[in-house]
PDB file of all heavy atoms in Angstrom:
ATOM      1  N   PRO A   1      10.665 -11.867   0.615  1.00  0.00           N
ATOM      2  CA  PRO A   1      10.657 -13.025  -0.292  1.00  0.00           C
ATOM      3  C   PRO A   1       9.236 -13.420  -0.680  1.00  0.00           C
ATOM      4  O   PRO A   1       8.321 -13.374   0.141  1.00  0.00           O
ATOM      5  CB  PRO A   1      11.341 -14.128   0.523  1.00  0.00           C
ATOM      6  CG  PRO A   1      11.346 -13.666   1.934  1.00  0.00           C
ATOM      7  CD  PRO A   1      11.207 -12.182   1.928  1.00  0.00           C
ATOM      8  N   LYS A   2       9.077 -13.764  -1.927  1.00  0.00           N
ATOM      9  CA  LYS A   2       7.805 -14.242  -2.482  1.00  0.00           C
ATOM     10  C   LYS A   2       6.682 -13.214  -2.354  1.00  0.00           C
ATOM     11  O   LYS A   2       5.508 -13.565  -2.259  1.00  0.00           O
ATOM     12  CB  LYS A   2       7.397 -15.562  -1.829  1.00  0.00           C
ATOM     13  CG  LYS A   2       8.402 -16.666  -2.077  1.00  0.00           C
ATOM     14  CD  LYS A   2       7.985 -17.957  -1.421  1.00  0.00           C
ATOM     15  CE  LYS A   2       9.072 -18.991  -1.657  1.00  0.00           C
ATOM     16  NZ  LYS A   2       8.909 -20.172  -0.873  1.00  0.00           N
ATOM     17  N   ARG A   3       7.048 -11.920  -2.338  1.00  0.00           N
ATOM     18  CA  ARG A   3       6.056 -10.842  -2.291  1.00  0.00           C
ATOM     19  C   ARG A   3       6.446  -9.814  -3.338  1.00  0.00           C
ATOM     20  O   ARG A   3       7.621  -9.570  -3.568  1.00  0.00           O
ATOM     21  CB  ARG A   3       6.016 -10.202  -0.907  1.00  0.00           C
ATOM     22  CG  ARG A   3       5.526 -11.189   0.115  1.00  0.00           C
ATOM     23  CD  ARG A   3       5.331 -10.549   1.469  1.00  0.00           C
ATOM     24  NE  ARG A   3       4.670 -11.499   2.329  1.00  0.00           N
ATOM     25  CZ  ARG A   3       3.362 -11.611   2.452  1.00  0.00           C
ATOM     26  NH1 ARG A   3       2.563 -10.811   1.801  1.00  0.00           N
ATOM     27  NH2 ARG A   3       2.833 -12.513   3.253  1.00  0.00           N
ATOM     28  N   ASN A   4       5.419  -9.204  -3.954  1.00  0.00           N
ATOM     29  CA  ASN A   4       5.723  -8.250  -5.018  1.00  0.00           C
ATOM     30  C   ASN A   4       4.650  -7.174  -5.119  1.00  0.00           C
ATOM     31  O   ASN A   4       3.630  -7.225  -4.420  1.00  0.00           O
ATOM     32  CB  ASN A   4       5.900  -8.988  -6.355  1.00  0.00           C
ATOM     33  CG  ASN A   4       4.665  -9.761  -6.759  1.00  0.00           C
ATOM     34  OD1 ASN A   4       3.553  -9.225  -6.771  1.00  0.00           O
ATOM     35  ND2 ASN A   4       4.841 -11.041  -7.113  1.00  0.00           N
ATOM     36  N   ALA A   5       4.872  -6.220  -5.998  1.00  0.00           N
ATOM     37  CA  ALA A   5       3.965  -5.090  -6.173  1.00  0.00           C
ATOM     38  C   ALA A   5       2.596  -5.534  -6.684  1.00  0.00           C
ATOM     39  O   ALA A   5       1.573  -4.933  -6.328  1.00  0.00           O
ATOM     40  CB  ALA A   5       4.581  -4.068  -7.120  1.00  0.00           C
ATOM     41  N   HIS A   6       2.544  -6.585  -7.492  1.00  0.00           N
ATOM     42  CA  HIS A   6       1.251  -7.067  -8.000  1.00  0.00           C
ATOM     43  C   HIS A   6       0.378  -7.581  -6.858  1.00  0.00           C
ATOM     44  O   HIS A   6      -0.835  -7.353  -6.845  1.00  0.00           O
ATOM     45  CB  HIS A   6       1.456  -8.162  -9.052  1.00  0.00           C
ATOM     46  CG  HIS A   6       2.105  -7.668 -10.296  1.00  0.00           C
ATOM     47  ND1 HIS A   6       1.472  -6.845 -11.200  1.00  0.00           N
ATOM     48  CD2 HIS A   6       3.351  -7.858 -10.782  1.00  0.00           C
ATOM     49  CE1 HIS A   6       2.294  -6.561 -12.189  1.00  0.00           C
ATOM     50  NE2 HIS A   6       3.452  -7.158 -11.960  1.00  0.00           N
ATOM     51  N   GLN A   7       0.979  -8.247  -5.903  1.00  0.00           N
ATOM     52  CA  GLN A   7       0.228  -8.716  -4.742  1.00  0.00           C
ATOM     53  C   GLN A   7      -0.275  -7.539  -3.912  1.00  0.00           C
ATOM     54  O   GLN A   7      -1.399  -7.573  -3.401  1.00  0.00           O
ATOM     55  CB  GLN A   7       1.101  -9.632  -3.888  1.00  0.00           C
ATOM     56  CG  GLN A   7       1.445 -10.933  -4.577  1.00  0.00           C
ATOM     57  CD  GLN A   7       2.562 -11.671  -3.855  1.00  0.00           C
ATOM     58  OE1 GLN A   7       3.519 -11.071  -3.385  1.00  0.00           O
ATOM     59  NE2 GLN A   7       2.421 -12.988  -3.777  1.00  0.00           N
ATOM     60  N   ALA A   8       0.542  -6.511  -3.795  1.00  0.00           N
ATOM     61  CA  ALA A   8       0.118  -5.315  -3.067  1.00  0.00           C
ATOM     62  C   ALA A   8      -1.082  -4.683  -3.766  1.00  0.00           C
ATOM     63  O   ALA A   8      -2.068  -4.301  -3.106  1.00  0.00           O
ATOM     64  CB  ALA A   8       1.272  -4.319  -2.966  1.00  0.00           C
ATOM     65  N   MET A   9      -1.023  -4.572  -5.083  1.00  0.00           N
ATOM     66  CA  MET A   9      -2.141  -3.997  -5.840  1.00  0.00           C
ATOM     67  C   MET A   9      -3.409  -4.839  -5.662  1.00  0.00           C
ATOM     68  O   MET A   9      -4.501  -4.287  -5.528  1.00  0.00           O
ATOM     69  CB  MET A   9      -1.779  -3.886  -7.323  1.00  0.00           C
ATOM     70  CG  MET A   9      -0.691  -2.864  -7.605  1.00  0.00           C
ATOM     71  SD  MET A   9      -1.139  -1.190  -7.101  1.00  0.00           S
ATOM     72  CE  MET A   9      -2.535  -0.897  -8.156  1.00  0.00           C
ATOM     73  N   HIS A  10      -3.267  -6.144  -5.662  1.00  0.00           N
ATOM     74  CA  HIS A  10      -4.416  -7.023  -5.467  1.00  0.00           C
ATOM     75  C   HIS A  10      -5.057  -6.766  -4.094  1.00  0.00           C
ATOM     76  O   HIS A  10      -6.287  -6.712  -3.977  1.00  0.00           O
ATOM     77  CB  HIS A  10      -3.996  -8.487  -5.603  1.00  0.00           C
ATOM     78  CG  HIS A  10      -5.103  -9.448  -5.334  1.00  0.00           C
ATOM     79  ND1 HIS A  10      -6.123  -9.680  -6.227  1.00  0.00           N
ATOM     80  CD2 HIS A  10      -5.367 -10.225  -4.246  1.00  0.00           C
ATOM     81  CE1 HIS A  10      -6.964 -10.558  -5.716  1.00  0.00           C
ATOM     82  NE2 HIS A  10      -6.526 -10.900  -4.512  1.00  0.00           N
ATOM     83  N   THR A  11      -4.239  -6.601  -3.072  1.00  0.00           N
ATOM     84  CA  THR A  11      -4.744  -6.340  -1.722  1.00  0.00           C
ATOM     85  C   THR A  11      -5.475  -4.999  -1.680  1.00  0.00           C
ATOM     86  O   THR A  11      -6.529  -4.871  -1.037  1.00  0.00           O
ATOM     87  CB  THR A  11      -3.586  -6.367  -0.705  1.00  0.00           C
ATOM     88  OG1 THR A  11      -2.922  -7.631  -0.804  1.00  0.00           O
ATOM     89  CG2 THR A  11      -4.084  -6.169   0.718  1.00  0.00           C
ATOM     90  N   ILE A  12      -4.946  -4.008  -2.393  1.00  0.00           N
ATOM     91  CA  ILE A  12      -5.612  -2.701  -2.460  1.00  0.00           C
ATOM     92  C   ILE A  12      -6.963  -2.821  -3.150  1.00  0.00           C
ATOM     93  O   ILE A  12      -7.974  -2.285  -2.679  1.00  0.00           O
ATOM     94  CB  ILE A  12      -4.705  -1.674  -3.169  1.00  0.00           C
ATOM     95  CG1 ILE A  12      -3.489  -1.355  -2.298  1.00  0.00           C
ATOM     96  CG2 ILE A  12      -5.486  -0.406  -3.532  1.00  0.00           C
ATOM     97  CD1 ILE A  12      -2.386  -0.587  -2.999  1.00  0.00           C
ATOM     98  N   VAL A  13      -7.010  -3.545  -4.262  1.00  0.00           N
ATOM     99  CA  VAL A  13      -8.265  -3.730  -4.997  1.00  0.00           C
ATOM    100  C   VAL A  13      -9.301  -4.423  -4.109  1.00  0.00           C
ATOM    101  O   VAL A  13     -10.472  -4.023  -4.058  1.00  0.00           O
ATOM    102  CB  VAL A  13      -8.030  -4.521  -6.309  1.00  0.00           C
ATOM    103  CG1 VAL A  13      -9.333  -4.976  -6.929  1.00  0.00           C
ATOM    104  CG2 VAL A  13      -7.227  -3.673  -7.284  1.00  0.00           C
ATOM    105  N   GLU A  14      -8.884  -5.437  -3.370  1.00  0.00           N
ATOM    106  CA  GLU A  14      -9.809  -6.142  -2.476  1.00  0.00           C
ATOM    107  C   GLU A  14     -10.347  -5.211  -1.393  1.00  0.00           C
ATOM    108  O   GLU A  14     -11.527  -5.264  -1.050  1.00  0.00           O
ATOM    109  CB  GLU A  14      -9.126  -7.359  -1.842  1.00  0.00           C
ATOM    110  CG  GLU A  14      -8.849  -8.481  -2.827  1.00  0.00           C
ATOM    111  CD  GLU A  14     -10.116  -9.004  -3.495  1.00  0.00           C
ATOM    112  OE1 GLU A  14     -11.108  -9.299  -2.780  1.00  0.00           O
ATOM    113  OE2 GLU A  14     -10.126  -9.098  -4.737  1.00  0.00           O
ATOM    114  N   ALA A  15      -9.494  -4.354  -0.851  1.00  0.00           N
ATOM    115  CA  ALA A  15      -9.946  -3.403   0.174  1.00  0.00           C
ATOM    116  C   ALA A  15     -10.956  -2.416  -0.413  1.00  0.00           C
ATOM    117  O   ALA A  15     -11.966  -2.092   0.215  1.00  0.00           O
ATOM    118  CB  ALA A  15      -8.752  -2.667   0.769  1.00  0.00           C
ATOM    119  N   LEU A  16     -10.690  -1.939  -1.639  1.00  0.00           N
ATOM    120  CA  LEU A  16     -11.628  -1.032  -2.297  1.00  0.00           C
ATOM    121  C   LEU A  16     -12.976  -1.711  -2.528  1.00  0.00           C
ATOM    122  O   LEU A  16     -14.034  -1.123  -2.277  1.00  0.00           O
ATOM    123  CB  LEU A  16     -11.048  -0.534  -3.623  1.00  0.00           C
ATOM    124  CG  LEU A  16      -9.882   0.443  -3.522  1.00  0.00           C
ATOM    125  CD1 LEU A  16      -9.207   0.615  -4.874  1.00  0.00           C
ATOM    126  CD2 LEU A  16     -10.341   1.783  -2.970  1.00  0.00           C
ATOM    127  N   ARG A  17     -12.933  -2.949  -2.969  1.00  0.00           N
ATOM    128  CA  ARG A  17     -14.173  -3.706  -3.213  1.00  0.00           C
ATOM    129  C   ARG A  17     -14.969  -3.942  -1.932  1.00  0.00           C
ATOM    130  O   ARG A  17     -16.181  -4.127  -1.977  1.00  0.00           O
ATOM    131  CB  ARG A  17     -13.858  -5.037  -3.879  1.00  0.00           C
ATOM    132  CG  ARG A  17     -13.461  -4.897  -5.319  1.00  0.00           C
ATOM    133  CD  ARG A  17     -13.225  -6.229  -5.980  1.00  0.00           C
ATOM    134  NE  ARG A  17     -12.869  -6.039  -7.384  1.00  0.00           N
ATOM    135  CZ  ARG A  17     -12.126  -6.864  -8.079  1.00  0.00           C
ATOM    136  NH1 ARG A  17     -11.659  -7.979  -7.534  1.00  0.00           N
ATOM    137  NH2 ARG A  17     -11.838  -6.612  -9.331  1.00  0.00           N
ATOM    138  N   SER A  18     -14.283  -3.949  -0.797  1.00  0.00           N
ATOM    139  CA  SER A  18     -14.967  -4.193   0.476  1.00  0.00           C
ATOM    140  C   SER A  18     -15.552  -2.903   1.062  1.00  0.00           C
ATOM    141  O   SER A  18     -16.060  -2.913   2.182  1.00  0.00           O
ATOM    142  CB  SER A  18     -14.013  -4.831   1.483  1.00  0.00           C
ATOM    143  OG  SER A  18     -13.067  -3.885   1.949  1.00  0.00           O
ATOM    144  N   GLY A  19     -15.467  -1.795   0.307  1.00  0.00           N
ATOM    145  CA  GLY A  19     -16.069  -0.541   0.765  1.00  0.00           C
ATOM    146  C   GLY A  19     -15.097   0.429   1.403  1.00  0.00           C
ATOM    147  O   GLY A  19     -15.500   1.501   1.850  1.00  0.00           O
ATOM    148  N   ARG A  20     -13.847   0.090   1.443  1.00  0.00           N
ATOM    149  CA  ARG A  20     -12.831   0.994   2.007  1.00  0.00           C
ATOM    150  C   ARG A  20     -12.329   1.897   0.874  1.00  0.00           C
ATOM    151  O   ARG A  20     -11.272   1.667   0.315  1.00  0.00           O
ATOM    152  CB  ARG A  20     -11.701   0.188   2.635  1.00  0.00           C
ATOM    153  CG  ARG A  20     -12.159  -0.556   3.876  1.00  0.00           C
ATOM    154  CD  ARG A  20     -11.109  -1.560   4.338  1.00  0.00           C
ATOM    155  NE  ARG A  20     -11.524  -2.250   5.535  1.00  0.00           N
ATOM    156  CZ  ARG A  20     -12.243  -3.365   5.556  1.00  0.00           C
ATOM    157  NH1 ARG A  20     -12.633  -3.928   4.417  1.00  0.00           N
ATOM    158  NH2 ARG A  20     -12.584  -3.933   6.692  1.00  0.00           N
ATOM    159  N   THR A  21     -13.120   2.909   0.578  1.00  0.00           N
ATOM    160  CA  THR A  21     -12.867   3.736  -0.601  1.00  0.00           C
ATOM    161  C   THR A  21     -12.209   5.078  -0.278  1.00  0.00           C
ATOM    162  O   THR A  21     -11.879   5.826  -1.189  1.00  0.00           O
ATOM    163  CB  THR A  21     -14.176   3.988  -1.370  1.00  0.00           C
ATOM    164  OG1 THR A  21     -15.126   4.574  -0.467  1.00  0.00           O
ATOM    165  CG2 THR A  21     -14.724   2.679  -1.939  1.00  0.00           C
ATOM    166  N   GLU A  22     -12.032   5.385   1.002  1.00  0.00           N
ATOM    167  CA  GLU A  22     -11.286   6.591   1.367  1.00  0.00           C
ATOM    168  C   GLU A  22      -9.821   6.193   1.477  1.00  0.00           C
ATOM    169  O   GLU A  22      -9.473   5.284   2.235  1.00  0.00           O
ATOM    170  CB  GLU A  22     -11.793   7.175   2.689  1.00  0.00           C
ATOM    171  CG  GLU A  22     -11.263   8.557   2.938  1.00  0.00           C
ATOM    172  CD  GLU A  22     -12.046   9.285   4.020  1.00  0.00           C
ATOM    173  OE1 GLU A  22     -13.198   8.933   4.304  1.00  0.00           O
ATOM    174  OE2 GLU A  22     -11.465  10.222   4.579  1.00  0.00           O
ATOM    175  N   VAL A  23      -8.961   6.840   0.677  1.00  0.00           N
ATOM    176  CA  VAL A  23      -7.582   6.398   0.550  1.00  0.00           C
ATOM    177  C   VAL A  23      -6.610   7.492   0.992  1.00  0.00           C
ATOM    178  O   VAL A  23      -6.680   8.619   0.508  1.00  0.00           O
ATOM    179  CB  VAL A  23      -7.266   5.999  -0.917  1.00  0.00           C
ATOM    180  CG1 VAL A  23      -5.815   5.569  -1.069  1.00  0.00           C
ATOM    181  CG2 VAL A  23      -8.223   4.904  -1.389  1.00  0.00           C
ATOM    182  N   LEU A  24      -5.727   7.135   1.904  1.00  0.00           N
ATOM    183  CA  LEU A  24      -4.613   7.989   2.294  1.00  0.00           C
ATOM    184  C   LEU A  24      -3.371   7.395   1.648  1.00  0.00           C
ATOM    185  O   LEU A  24      -2.965   6.278   1.980  1.00  0.00           O
ATOM    186  CB  LEU A  24      -4.454   8.025   3.820  1.00  0.00           C
ATOM    187  CG  LEU A  24      -3.190   8.691   4.364  1.00  0.00           C
ATOM    188  CD1 LEU A  24      -3.124  10.154   3.963  1.00  0.00           C
ATOM    189  CD2 LEU A  24      -3.119   8.547   5.863  1.00  0.00           C
ATOM    190  N   ASP A  25      -2.802   8.115   0.687  1.00  0.00           N
ATOM    191  CA  ASP A  25      -1.603   7.682  -0.030  1.00  0.00           C
ATOM    192  C   ASP A  25      -0.421   8.359   0.650  1.00  0.00           C
ATOM    193  O   ASP A  25      -0.362   9.588   0.715  1.00  0.00           O
ATOM    194  CB  ASP A  25      -1.708   8.101  -1.496  1.00  0.00           C
ATOM    195  CG  ASP A  25      -0.534   7.649  -2.334  1.00  0.00           C
ATOM    196  OD1 ASP A  25       0.223   6.772  -1.881  1.00  0.00           O
ATOM    197  OD2 ASP A  25      -0.376   8.184  -3.442  1.00  0.00           O
ATOM    198  N   ALA A  26       0.506   7.579   1.181  1.00  0.00           N
ATOM    199  CA  ALA A  26       1.572   8.158   1.995  1.00  0.00           C
ATOM    200  C   ALA A  26       2.947   7.647   1.589  1.00  0.00           C
ATOM    201  O   ALA A  26       3.106   6.534   1.105  1.00  0.00           O
ATOM    202  CB  ALA A  26       1.318   7.843   3.465  1.00  0.00           C
ATOM    203  N   ASP A  27       3.917   8.511   1.830  1.00  0.00           N
ATOM    204  CA  ASP A  27       5.317   8.210   1.595  1.00  0.00           C
ATOM    205  C   ASP A  27       6.074   8.847   2.753  1.00  0.00           C
ATOM    206  O   ASP A  27       5.786   9.988   3.130  1.00  0.00           O
ATOM    207  CB  ASP A  27       5.749   8.816   0.257  1.00  0.00           C
ATOM    208  CG  ASP A  27       7.240   8.711   0.014  1.00  0.00           C
ATOM    209  OD1 ASP A  27       7.790   7.608   0.169  1.00  0.00           O
ATOM    210  OD2 ASP A  27       7.851   9.734  -0.343  1.00  0.00           O
ATOM    211  N   LEU A  28       7.006   8.124   3.322  1.00  0.00           N
ATOM    212  CA  LEU A  28       7.756   8.670   4.448  1.00  0.00           C
ATOM    213  C   LEU A  28       8.915   9.529   3.938  1.00  0.00           C
ATOM    214  O   LEU A  28       9.610   9.158   2.990  1.00  0.00           O
ATOM    215  CB  LEU A  28       8.266   7.548   5.339  1.00  0.00           C
ATOM    216  CG  LEU A  28       7.153   6.732   5.995  1.00  0.00           C
ATOM    217  CD1 LEU A  28       7.739   5.622   6.835  1.00  0.00           C
ATOM    218  CD2 LEU A  28       6.245   7.611   6.832  1.00  0.00           C
ATOM    219  N   SER A  29       9.120  10.650   4.576  1.00  0.00           N
ATOM    220  CA  SER A  29      10.162  11.583   4.183  1.00  0.00           C
ATOM    221  C   SER A  29      11.533  11.059   4.590  1.00  0.00           C
ATOM    222  O   SER A  29      11.797  10.844   5.772  1.00  0.00           O
ATOM    223  CB  SER A  29       9.895  12.937   4.848  1.00  0.00           C
ATOM    224  OG  SER A  29      10.847  13.875   4.456  1.00  0.00           O
ATOM    225  N   LYS A  30      12.387  10.813   3.592  1.00  0.00           N
ATOM    226  CA  LYS A  30      13.764  10.358   3.820  1.00  0.00           C
ATOM    227  C   LYS A  30      13.831   9.194   4.811  1.00  0.00           C
ATOM    228  O   LYS A  30      14.679   9.162   5.693  1.00  0.00           O
ATOM    229  CB  LYS A  30      14.630  11.522   4.296  1.00  0.00           C
ATOM    230  CG  LYS A  30      14.684  12.671   3.311  1.00  0.00           C
ATOM    231  CD  LYS A  30      15.528  13.794   3.816  1.00  0.00           C
ATOM    232  CE  LYS A  30      15.507  14.950   2.829  1.00  0.00           C
ATOM    233  NZ  LYS A  30      16.235  16.098   3.305  1.00  0.00           N
ATOM    234  N   TYR A  31      12.939   8.238   4.650  1.00  0.00           N
ATOM    235  CA  TYR A  31      12.793   7.159   5.630  1.00  0.00           C
ATOM    236  C   TYR A  31      14.097   6.426   5.931  1.00  0.00           C
ATOM    237  O   TYR A  31      14.520   6.321   7.076  1.00  0.00           O
ATOM    238  CB  TYR A  31      11.721   6.163   5.174  1.00  0.00           C
ATOM    239  CG  TYR A  31      11.603   4.986   6.110  1.00  0.00           C
ATOM    240  CD1 TYR A  31      11.319   5.167   7.446  1.00  0.00           C
ATOM    241  CD2 TYR A  31      11.796   3.686   5.653  1.00  0.00           C
ATOM    242  CE1 TYR A  31      11.228   4.103   8.319  1.00  0.00           C
ATOM    243  CE2 TYR A  31      11.698   2.613   6.511  1.00  0.00           C
ATOM    244  CZ  TYR A  31      11.409   2.833   7.843  1.00  0.00           C
ATOM    245  OH  TYR A  31      11.318   1.774   8.702  1.00  0.00           O
ATOM    246  N   PHE A  32      14.767   5.926   4.901  1.00  0.00           N
ATOM    247  CA  PHE A  32      15.963   5.120   5.134  1.00  0.00           C
ATOM    248  C   PHE A  32      17.079   5.933   5.797  1.00  0.00           C
ATOM    249  O   PHE A  32      17.948   5.379   6.452  1.00  0.00           O
ATOM    250  CB  PHE A  32      16.460   4.492   3.827  1.00  0.00           C
ATOM    251  CG  PHE A  32      15.606   3.349   3.360  1.00  0.00           C
ATOM    252  CD1 PHE A  32      14.473   3.568   2.595  1.00  0.00           C
ATOM    253  CD2 PHE A  32      15.923   2.042   3.694  1.00  0.00           C
ATOM    254  CE1 PHE A  32      13.680   2.515   2.168  1.00  0.00           C
ATOM    255  CE2 PHE A  32      15.144   0.979   3.269  1.00  0.00           C
ATOM    256  CZ  PHE A  32      14.012   1.213   2.514  1.00  0.00           C
ATOM    257  N   ASP A  33      17.036   7.252   5.641  1.00  0.00           N
ATOM    258  CA  ASP A  33      18.054   8.128   6.237  1.00  0.00           C
ATOM    259  C   ASP A  33      17.710   8.568   7.655  1.00  0.00           C
ATOM    260  O   ASP A  33      18.563   9.136   8.337  1.00  0.00           O
ATOM    261  CB  ASP A  33      18.237   9.394   5.391  1.00  0.00           C
ATOM    262  CG  ASP A  33      18.770   9.093   4.008  1.00  0.00           C
ATOM    263  OD1 ASP A  33      19.484   8.077   3.847  1.00  0.00           O
ATOM    264  OD2 ASP A  33      18.464   9.866   3.074  1.00  0.00           O
ATOM    265  N   THR A  34      16.470   8.366   8.087  1.00  0.00           N
ATOM    266  CA  THR A  34      16.044   8.938   9.369  1.00  0.00           C
ATOM    267  C   THR A  34      15.642   7.915  10.422  1.00  0.00           C
ATOM    268  O   THR A  34      15.262   8.299  11.521  1.00  0.00           O
ATOM    269  CB  THR A  34      14.865   9.910   9.151  1.00  0.00           C
ATOM    270  OG1 THR A  34      13.774   9.205   8.545  1.00  0.00           O
ATOM    271  CG2 THR A  34      15.269  11.086   8.279  1.00  0.00           C
ATOM    272  N   ILE A  35      15.709   6.647  10.122  1.00  0.00           N
ATOM    273  CA  ILE A  35      15.322   5.639  11.126  1.00  0.00           C
ATOM    274  C   ILE A  35      16.216   5.812  12.356  1.00  0.00           C
ATOM    275  O   ILE A  35      17.442   5.727  12.253  1.00  0.00           O
ATOM    276  CB  ILE A  35      15.471   4.211  10.571  1.00  0.00           C
ATOM    277  CG1 ILE A  35      14.594   4.003   9.342  1.00  0.00           C
ATOM    278  CG2 ILE A  35      15.143   3.181  11.651  1.00  0.00           C
ATOM    279  CD1 ILE A  35      14.851   2.694   8.617  1.00  0.00           C
TER     280      ILE A  35
END
C-alpha cells in the first residue's frame, strides 16, 4: 500500500547519486511457483 514503481525508481536514482554505480539487476526464476 502507498508504494509504487516511481518511488522505487527514485530510490535507485538516489543510490546512484550517492556513488553506488555498480548495479546487479536481478529477477528470481519462477519465484511465485517455487517459494
